[in-house]
Amino acid sequence: MRIEVGDDPFEVKLRDNYELLEDEYFENQKRLQVLDTKINQLYKTNLLMSSSKIDELRKQLQEKSSSIYIQRSKKLYQVITAHQ
């Protein structure tokens, strides 16, 4: 007699989503480091750069990061549903 136990599909999605969220967090940290490096370079050439401009750049990065996460999430679930 053989018994197979499969993972609950909901738990699989939770795990996959958590892994994606964790990976995207680290990727976002890298993007923030790149942005901070570029901002520091801009400070060297443009000492009058306003804090509102920096805030706007960070806001744009946050929006882009959210967009990337949503795209990756959609692709992940397309792959999952294709394998089912």
PDB file of N, CA and C in Angstrom:
ATOM      1  N   MET A   1       0.842  -1.179   0.000  1.00  0.00           N
ATOM      2  CA  MET A   1       0.000   0.000   0.000  1.00  0.00           C
ATOM      3  C   MET A   1       0.884   1.238   0.000  1.00  0.00           C
ATOM      4  N   ARG A   2       0.507   2.166  -0.844  1.00  0.00           N
ATOM      5  CA  ARG A   2       1.300   3.387  -0.982  1.00  0.00           C
ATOM      6  C   ARG A   2       0.388   4.590  -0.757  1.00  0.00           C
ATOM      7  N   ILE A   3       0.853   5.527   0.064  1.00  0.00           N
ATOM      8  CA  ILE A   3       0.088   6.747   0.339  1.00  0.00           C
ATOM      9  C   ILE A   3       0.937   7.949  -0.071  1.00  0.00           C
ATOM     10  N   GLU A   4       0.360   8.816  -0.866  1.00  0.00           N
ATOM     11  CA  GLU A   4       1.037  10.047  -1.255  1.00  0.00           C
ATOM     12  C   GLU A   4       0.311  11.221  -0.629  1.00  0.00           C
ATOM     13  N   VAL A   5       1.101  12.106  -0.092  1.00  0.00           N
ATOM     14  CA  VAL A   5       0.530  13.305   0.504  1.00  0.00           C
ATOM     15  C   VAL A   5       1.071  14.497  -0.282  1.00  0.00           C
ATOM     16  N   GLY A   6       0.164  15.272  -0.810  1.00  0.00           N
ATOM     17  CA  GLY A   6       0.563  16.446  -1.568  1.00  0.00           C
ATOM     18  C   GLY A   6       0.377  17.707  -0.746  1.00  0.00           C
ATOM     19  N   ASP A   7       1.136  18.720  -1.102  1.00  0.00           N
ATOM     20  CA  ASP A   7       0.983  20.000  -0.431  1.00  0.00           C
ATOM     21  C   ASP A   7      -0.339  20.642  -0.830  1.00  0.00           C
ATOM     22  N   ASP A   8      -0.918  21.319   0.111  1.00  0.00           N
ATOM     23  CA  ASP A   8      -2.134  22.069  -0.151  1.00  0.00           C
ATOM     24  C   ASP A   8      -1.790  23.195  -1.135  1.00  0.00           C
ATOM     25  N   PRO A   9      -2.547  23.361  -2.213  1.00  0.00           N
ATOM     26  CA  PRO A   9      -2.248  24.402  -3.208  1.00  0.00           C
ATOM     27  C   PRO A   9      -2.154  25.802  -2.598  1.00  0.00           C
ATOM     28  N   PHE A  10      -2.983  26.073  -1.608  1.00  0.00           N
ATOM     29  CA  PHE A  10      -2.936  27.384  -0.955  1.00  0.00           C
ATOM     30  C   PHE A  10      -1.600  27.582  -0.247  1.00  0.00           C
ATOM     31  N   GLU A  11      -1.125  26.550   0.443  1.00  0.00           N
ATOM     32  CA  GLU A  11       0.154  26.643   1.140  1.00  0.00           C
ATOM     33  C   GLU A  11       1.314  26.775   0.157  1.00  0.00           C
ATOM     34  N   VAL A  12       1.207  26.118  -0.969  1.00  0.00           N
ATOM     35  CA  VAL A  12       2.240  26.236  -2.002  1.00  0.00           C
ATOM     36  C   VAL A  12       2.295  27.680  -2.507  1.00  0.00           C
ATOM     37  N   LYS A  13       1.131  28.272  -2.748  1.00  0.00           N
ATOM     38  CA  LYS A  13       1.095  29.664  -3.204  1.00  0.00           C
ATOM     39  C   LYS A  13       1.651  30.597  -2.143  1.00  0.00           C
ATOM     40  N   LEU A  14       1.323  30.344  -0.888  1.00  0.00           N
ATOM     41  CA  LEU A  14       1.871  31.164   0.200  1.00  0.00           C
ATOM     42  C   LEU A  14       3.393  31.083   0.227  1.00  0.00           C
ATOM     43  N   ARG A  15       3.913  29.867   0.107  1.00  0.00           N
ATOM     44  CA  ARG A  15       5.364  29.683   0.116  1.00  0.00           C
ATOM     45  C   ARG A  15       6.012  30.401  -1.067  1.00  0.00           C
ATOM     46  N   ASP A  16       5.460  30.190  -2.259  1.00  0.00           N
ATOM     47  CA  ASP A  16       6.013  30.827  -3.449  1.00  0.00           C
ATOM     48  C   ASP A  16       5.956  32.339  -3.343  1.00  0.00           C
ATOM     49  N   ASN A  17       4.846  32.860  -2.830  1.00  0.00           N
ATOM     50  CA  ASN A  17       4.697  34.303  -2.684  1.00  0.00           C
ATOM     51  C   ASN A  17       5.694  34.843  -1.662  1.00  0.00           C
ATOM     52  N   TYR A  18       5.894  34.109  -0.569  1.00  0.00           N
ATOM     53  CA  TYR A  18       6.858  34.535   0.442  1.00  0.00           C
ATOM     54  C   TYR A  18       8.266  34.577  -0.139  1.00  0.00           C
ATOM     55  N   GLU A  19       8.634  33.536  -0.886  1.00  0.00           N
ATOM     56  CA  GLU A  19       9.958  33.492  -1.504  1.00  0.00           C
ATOM     57  C   GLU A  19      10.139  34.640  -2.492  1.00  0.00           C
ATOM     58  N   LEU A  20       9.109  34.929  -3.266  1.00  0.00           N
ATOM     59  CA  LEU A  20       9.161  36.040  -4.208  1.00  0.00           C
ATOM     60  C   LEU A  20       9.289  37.361  -3.462  1.00  0.00           C
ATOM     61  N   LEU A  21       8.504  37.530  -2.422  1.00  0.00           N
ATOM     62  CA  LEU A  21       8.545  38.763  -1.634  1.00  0.00           C
ATOM     63  C   LEU A  21       9.916  38.956  -0.994  1.00  0.00           C
ATOM     64  N   GLU A  22      10.477  37.894  -0.473  1.00  0.00           N
ATOM     65  CA  GLU A  22      11.799  37.973   0.142  1.00  0.00           C
ATOM     66  C   GLU A  22      12.857  38.340  -0.899  1.00  0.00           C
ATOM     67  N   ASP A  23      12.816  37.688  -2.055  1.00  0.00           N
ATOM     68  CA  ASP A  23      13.769  37.986  -3.119  1.00  0.00           C
ATOM     69  C   ASP A  23      13.610  39.419  -3.602  1.00  0.00           C
ATOM     70  N   GLU A  24      12.381  39.852  -3.745  1.00  0.00           N
ATOM     71  CA  GLU A  24      12.140  41.212  -4.228  1.00  0.00           C
ATOM     72  C   GLU A  24      12.613  42.247  -3.203  1.00  0.00           C
ATOM     73  N   TYR A  25      12.507  41.926  -1.924  1.00  0.00           N
ATOM     74  CA  TYR A  25      13.016  42.823  -0.881  1.00  0.00           C
ATOM     75  C   TYR A  25      14.515  43.045  -1.075  1.00  0.00           C
ATOM     76  N   PHE A  26      15.269  41.946  -1.263  1.00  0.00           N
ATOM     77  CA  PHE A  26      16.709  42.074  -1.445  1.00  0.00           C
ATOM     78  C   PHE A  26      17.058  42.783  -2.748  1.00  0.00           C
ATOM     79  N   GLU A  27      16.306  42.521  -3.794  1.00  0.00           N
ATOM     80  CA  GLU A  27      16.527  43.220  -5.063  1.00  0.00           C
ATOM     81  C   GLU A  27      16.254  44.719  -4.904  1.00  0.00           C
ATOM     82  N   ASN A  28      15.222  45.054  -4.151  1.00  0.00           N
ATOM     83  CA  ASN A  28      14.897  46.454  -3.921  1.00  0.00           C
ATOM     84  C   ASN A  28      16.009  47.141  -3.122  1.00  0.00           C
ATOM     85  N   GLN A  29      16.605  46.430  -2.176  1.00  0.00           N
ATOM     86  CA  GLN A  29      17.719  46.998  -1.419  1.00  0.00           C
ATOM     87  C   GLN A  29      18.885  47.322  -2.344  1.00  0.00           C
ATOM     88  N   LYS A  30      19.129  46.443  -3.314  1.00  0.00           N
ATOM     89  CA  LYS A  30      20.187  46.705  -4.302  1.00  0.00           C
ATOM     90  C   LYS A  30      19.846  47.944  -5.125  1.00  0.00           C
ATOM     91  N   ARG A  31      18.585  48.059  -5.537  1.00  0.00           N
ATOM     92  CA  ARG A  31      18.171  49.234  -6.320  1.00  0.00           C
ATOM     93  C   ARG A  31      18.350  50.519  -5.510  1.00  0.00           C
ATOM     94  N   LEU A  32      18.007  50.454  -4.227  1.00  0.00           N
ATOM     95  CA  LEU A  32      18.178  51.629  -3.367  1.00  0.00           C
ATOM     96  C   LEU A  32      19.650  52.010  -3.233  1.00  0.00           C
ATOM     97  N   GLN A  33      20.519  51.021  -3.130  1.00  0.00           N
ATOM     98  CA  GLN A  33      21.953  51.303  -3.047  1.00  0.00           C
ATOM     99  C   GLN A  33      22.450  51.978  -4.323  1.00  0.00           C
ATOM    100  N   VAL A  34      21.986  51.483  -5.464  1.00  0.00           N
ATOM    101  CA  VAL A  34      22.371  52.091  -6.740  1.00  0.00           C
ATOM    102  C   VAL A  34      21.865  53.532  -6.800  1.00  0.00           C
ATOM    103  N   LEU A  35      20.610  53.748  -6.395  1.00  0.00           N
ATOM    104  CA  LEU A  35      20.058  55.097  -6.400  1.00  0.00           C
ATOM    105  C   LEU A  35      20.846  56.010  -5.471  1.00  0.00           C
ATOM    106  N   ASP A  36      21.161  55.540  -4.281  1.00  0.00           N
ATOM    107  CA  ASP A  36      21.934  56.363  -3.339  1.00  0.00           C
ATOM    108  C   ASP A  36      23.310  56.704  -3.894  1.00  0.00           C
ATOM    109  N   THR A  37      23.924  55.750  -4.574  1.00  0.00           N
ATOM    110  CA  THR A  37      25.225  56.006  -5.200  1.00  0.00           C
ATOM    111  C   THR A  37      25.096  57.093  -6.267  1.00  0.00           C
ATOM    112  N   LYS A  38      24.053  56.984  -7.075  1.00  0.00           N
ATOM    113  CA  LYS A  38      23.846  57.996  -8.122  1.00  0.00           C
ATOM    114  C   LYS A  38      23.527  59.361  -7.526  1.00  0.00           C
ATOM    115  N   ILE A  39      22.762  59.375  -6.462  1.00  0.00           N
ATOM    116  CA  ILE A  39      22.449  60.644  -5.791  1.00  0.00           C
ATOM    117  C   ILE A  39      23.726  61.275  -5.246  1.00  0.00           C
ATOM    118  N   ASN A  40      24.583  60.459  -4.651  1.00  0.00           N
ATOM    119  CA  ASN A  40      25.855  60.977  -4.141  1.00  0.00           C
ATOM    120  C   ASN A  40      26.721  61.531  -5.264  1.00  0.00           C
ATOM    121  N   GLN A  41      26.707  60.871  -6.410  1.00  0.00           N
ATOM    122  CA  GLN A  41      27.451  61.380  -7.564  1.00  0.00           C
ATOM    123  C   GLN A  41      26.873  62.708  -8.037  1.00  0.00           C
ATOM    124  N   LEU A  42      25.549  62.812  -8.025  1.00  0.00           N
ATOM    125  CA  LEU A  42      24.911  64.058  -8.434  1.00  0.00           C
ATOM    126  C   LEU A  42      25.219  65.193  -7.467  1.00  0.00           C
ATOM    127  N   TYR A  43      25.316  64.860  -6.194  1.00  0.00           N
ATOM    128  CA  TYR A  43      25.672  65.886  -5.201  1.00  0.00           C
ATOM    129  C   TYR A  43      27.039  66.487  -5.501  1.00  0.00           C
ATOM    130  N   LYS A  44      27.942  65.663  -5.990  1.00  0.00           N
ATOM    131  CA  LYS A  44      29.288  66.137  -6.297  1.00  0.00           C
ATOM    132  C   LYS A  44      29.271  67.153  -7.430  1.00  0.00           C
ATOM    133  N   THR A  45      28.365  66.974  -8.368  1.00  0.00           N
ATOM    134  CA  THR A  45      28.312  67.882  -9.517  1.00  0.00           C
ATOM    135  C   THR A  45      27.269  68.979  -9.354  1.00  0.00           C
ATOM    136  N   ASN A  46      26.261  68.732  -8.525  1.00  0.00           N
ATOM    137  CA  ASN A  46      25.179  69.692  -8.355  1.00  0.00           C
ATOM    138  C   ASN A  46      24.865  69.824  -6.857  1.00  0.00           C
ATOM    139  N   LEU A  47      25.554  70.732  -6.207  1.00  0.00           N
ATOM    140  CA  LEU A  47      25.408  70.881  -4.763  1.00  0.00           C
ATOM    141  C   LEU A  47      24.048  71.421  -4.353  1.00  0.00           C
ATOM    142  N   LEU A  48      23.304  71.960  -5.284  1.00  0.00           N
ATOM    143  CA  LEU A  48      22.017  72.558  -4.964  1.00  0.00           C
ATOM    144  C   LEU A  48      20.843  71.619  -5.228  1.00  0.00           C
ATOM    145  N   MET A  49      21.096  70.356  -5.303  1.00  0.00           N
ATOM    146  CA  MET A  49      20.015  69.402  -5.535  1.00  0.00           C
ATOM    147  C   MET A  49      19.069  69.427  -4.337  1.00  0.00           C
ATOM    148  N   SER A  50      17.813  69.587  -4.616  1.00  0.00           N
ATOM    149  CA  SER A  50      16.833  69.733  -3.535  1.00  0.00           C
ATOM    150  C   SER A  50      16.434  68.386  -2.935  1.00  0.00           C
ATOM    151  N   SER A  51      16.049  68.428  -1.697  1.00  0.00           N
ATOM    152  CA  SER A  51      15.588  67.203  -1.036  1.00  0.00           C
ATOM    153  C   SER A  51      14.271  66.724  -1.640  1.00  0.00           C
ATOM    154  N   SER A  52      13.475  67.653  -2.170  1.00  0.00           N
ATOM    155  CA  SER A  52      12.222  67.238  -2.811  1.00  0.00           C
ATOM    156  C   SER A  52      12.500  66.423  -4.076  1.00  0.00           C
ATOM    157  N   LYS A  53      13.577  66.767  -4.788  1.00  0.00           N
ATOM    158  CA  LYS A  53      13.959  65.999  -5.974  1.00  0.00           C
ATOM    159  C   LYS A  53      14.404  64.597  -5.563  1.00  0.00           C
ATOM    160  N   ILE A  54      15.161  64.501  -4.494  1.00  0.00           N
ATOM    161  CA  ILE A  54      15.613  63.196  -3.992  1.00  0.00           C
ATOM    162  C   ILE A  54      14.417  62.372  -3.542  1.00  0.00           C
ATOM    163  N   ASP A  55      13.493  62.999  -2.839  1.00  0.00           N
ATOM    164  CA  ASP A  55      12.280  62.306  -2.407  1.00  0.00           C
ATOM    165  C   ASP A  55      11.477  61.803  -3.601  1.00  0.00           C
ATOM    166  N   GLU A  56      11.423  62.614  -4.643  1.00  0.00           N
ATOM    167  CA  GLU A  56      10.705  62.225  -5.853  1.00  0.00           C
ATOM    168  C   GLU A  56      11.378  61.027  -6.523  1.00  0.00           C
ATOM    169  N   LEU A  57      12.701  61.021  -6.577  1.00  0.00           N
ATOM    170  CA  LEU A  57      13.430  59.888  -7.156  1.00  0.00           C
ATOM    171  C   LEU A  57      13.172  58.614  -6.359  1.00  0.00           C
ATOM    172  N   ARG A  58      13.171  58.719  -5.058  1.00  0.00           N
ATOM    173  CA  ARG A  58      12.910  57.540  -4.219  1.00  0.00           C
ATOM    174  C   ARG A  58      11.471  57.064  -4.379  1.00  0.00           C
ATOM    175  N   LYS A  59      10.555  58.000  -4.510  1.00  0.00           N
ATOM    176  CA  LYS A  59       9.153  57.626  -4.723  1.00  0.00           C
ATOM    177  C   LYS A  59       8.993  56.900  -6.058  1.00  0.00           C
ATOM    178  N   GLN A  60       9.661  57.397  -7.084  1.00  0.00           N
ATOM    179  CA  GLN A  60       9.603  56.747  -8.388  1.00  0.00           C
ATOM    180  C   GLN A  60      10.195  55.343  -8.328  1.00  0.00           C
ATOM    181  N   LEU A  61      11.289  55.190  -7.570  1.00  0.00           N
ATOM    182  CA  LEU A  61      11.890  53.866  -7.422  1.00  0.00           C
ATOM    183  C   LEU A  61      10.933  52.933  -6.691  1.00  0.00           C
ATOM    184  N   GLN A  62      10.269  53.425  -5.672  1.00  0.00           N
ATOM    185  CA  GLN A  62       9.313  52.602  -4.934  1.00  0.00           C
ATOM    186  C   GLN A  62       8.171  52.153  -5.847  1.00  0.00           C
ATOM    187  N   GLU A  63       7.670  53.057  -6.676  1.00  0.00           N
ATOM    188  CA  GLU A  63       6.605  52.715  -7.612  1.00  0.00           C
ATOM    189  C   GLU A  63       7.091  51.681  -8.634  1.00  0.00           C
ATOM    190  N   LYS A  64       8.309  51.863  -9.119  1.00  0.00           N
ATOM    191  CA  LYS A  64       8.873  50.921 -10.092  1.00  0.00           C
ATOM    192  C   LYS A  64       9.083  49.556  -9.449  1.00  0.00           C
ATOM    193  N   SER A  65       9.566  49.542  -8.212  1.00  0.00           N
ATOM    194  CA  SER A  65       9.766  48.283  -7.501  1.00  0.00           C
ATOM    195  C   SER A  65       8.446  47.555  -7.299  1.00  0.00           C
ATOM    196  N   SER A  66       7.406  48.289  -6.980  1.00  0.00           N
ATOM    197  CA  SER A  66       6.082  47.678  -6.821  1.00  0.00           C
ATOM    198  C   SER A  66       5.609  47.084  -8.134  1.00  0.00           C
ATOM    199  N   SER A  67       5.834  47.813  -9.209  1.00  0.00           N
ATOM    200  CA  SER A  67       5.454  47.333 -10.534  1.00  0.00           C
ATOM    201  C   SER A  67       6.219  46.058 -10.889  1.00  0.00           C
ATOM    202  N   ILE A  68       7.495  46.032 -10.585  1.00  0.00           N
ATOM    203  CA  ILE A  68       8.317  44.844 -10.868  1.00  0.00           C
ATOM    204  C   ILE A  68       7.805  43.656 -10.063  1.00  0.00           C
ATOM    205  N   TYR A  69       7.478  43.880  -8.787  1.00  0.00           N
ATOM    206  CA  TYR A  69       6.964  42.795  -7.947  1.00  0.00           C
ATOM    207  C   TYR A  69       5.662  42.230  -8.526  1.00  0.00           C
ATOM    208  N   ILE A  70       4.771  43.105  -8.957  1.00  0.00           N
ATOM    209  CA  ILE A  70       3.493  42.663  -9.523  1.00  0.00           C
ATOM    210  C   ILE A  70       3.732  41.861 -10.803  1.00  0.00           C
ATOM    211  N   GLN A  71       4.633  42.339 -11.652  1.00  0.00           N
ATOM    212  CA  GLN A  71       4.945  41.606 -12.888  1.00  0.00           C
ATOM    213  C   GLN A  71       5.518  40.229 -12.588  1.00  0.00           C
ATOM    214  N   ARG A  72       6.448  40.173 -11.633  1.00  0.00           N
ATOM    215  CA  ARG A  72       7.056  38.887 -11.268  1.00  0.00           C
ATOM    216  C   ARG A  72       6.012  37.945 -10.672  1.00  0.00           C
ATOM    217  N   SER A  73       5.119  38.488  -9.878  1.00  0.00           N
ATOM    218  CA  SER A  73       4.072  37.678  -9.262  1.00  0.00           C
ATOM    219  C   SER A  73       3.153  37.094 -10.331  1.00  0.00           C
ATOM    220  N   LYS A  74       2.763  37.907 -11.295  1.00  0.00           N
ATOM    221  CA  LYS A  74       1.912  37.416 -12.382  1.00  0.00           C
ATOM    222  C   LYS A  74       2.611  36.325 -13.175  1.00  0.00           C
ATOM    223  N   LYS A  75       3.902  36.510 -13.464  1.00  0.00           N
ATOM    224  CA  LYS A  75       4.659  35.497 -14.202  1.00  0.00           C
ATOM    225  C   LYS A  75       4.766  34.214 -13.392  1.00  0.00           C
ATOM    226  N   LEU A  76       4.969  34.346 -12.097  1.00  0.00           N
ATOM    227  CA  LEU A  76       5.066  33.178 -11.232  1.00  0.00           C
ATOM    228  C   LEU A  76       3.787  32.361 -11.292  1.00  0.00           C
ATOM    229  N   TYR A  77       2.646  33.027 -11.195  1.00  0.00           N
ATOM    230  CA  TYR A  77       1.389  32.291 -11.205  1.00  0.00           C
ATOM    231  C   TYR A  77       1.024  31.776 -12.591  1.00  0.00           C
ATOM    232  N   GLN A  78       1.522  32.424 -13.645  1.00  0.00           N
ATOM    233  CA  GLN A  78       1.321  31.877 -14.978  1.00  0.00           C
ATOM    234  C   GLN A  78       2.083  30.575 -15.129  1.00  0.00           C
ATOM    235  N   VAL A  79       3.285  30.531 -14.580  1.00  0.00           N
ATOM    236  CA  VAL A  79       4.099  29.305 -14.645  1.00  0.00           C
ATOM    237  C   VAL A  79       3.457  28.213 -13.814  1.00  0.00           C
ATOM    238  N   ILE A  80       2.967  28.570 -12.628  1.00  0.00           N
ATOM    239  CA  ILE A  80       2.330  27.587 -11.752  1.00  0.00           C
ATOM    240  C   ILE A  80       1.094  26.992 -12.418  1.00  0.00           C
ATOM    241  N   THR A  81       0.235  27.844 -12.969  1.00  0.00           N
ATOM    242  CA  THR A  81      -1.001  27.341 -13.586  1.00  0.00           C
ATOM    243  C   THR A  81      -0.689  26.548 -14.863  1.00  0.00           C
ATOM    244  N   ALA A  82       0.385  26.864 -15.545  1.00  0.00           N
ATOM    245  CA  ALA A  82       0.759  26.128 -16.750  1.00  0.00           C
ATOM    246  C   ALA A  82       1.213  24.706 -16.402  1.00  0.00           C
ATOM    247  N   HIS A  83       1.778  24.530 -15.206  1.00  0.00           N
ATOM    248  CA  HIS A  83       2.243  23.205 -14.795  1.00  0.00           C
ATOM    249  C   HIS A  83       1.147  22.351 -14.186  1.00  0.00           C
ATOM    250  N   GLN A  84       0.022  22.915 -13.923  1.00  0.00           N
ATOM    251  CA  GLN A  84      -1.072  22.157 -13.301  1.00  0.00           C
ATOM    252  C   GLN A  84      -1.964  21.503 -14.316  1.00  0.00           C
TER     253      GLN A  84
END
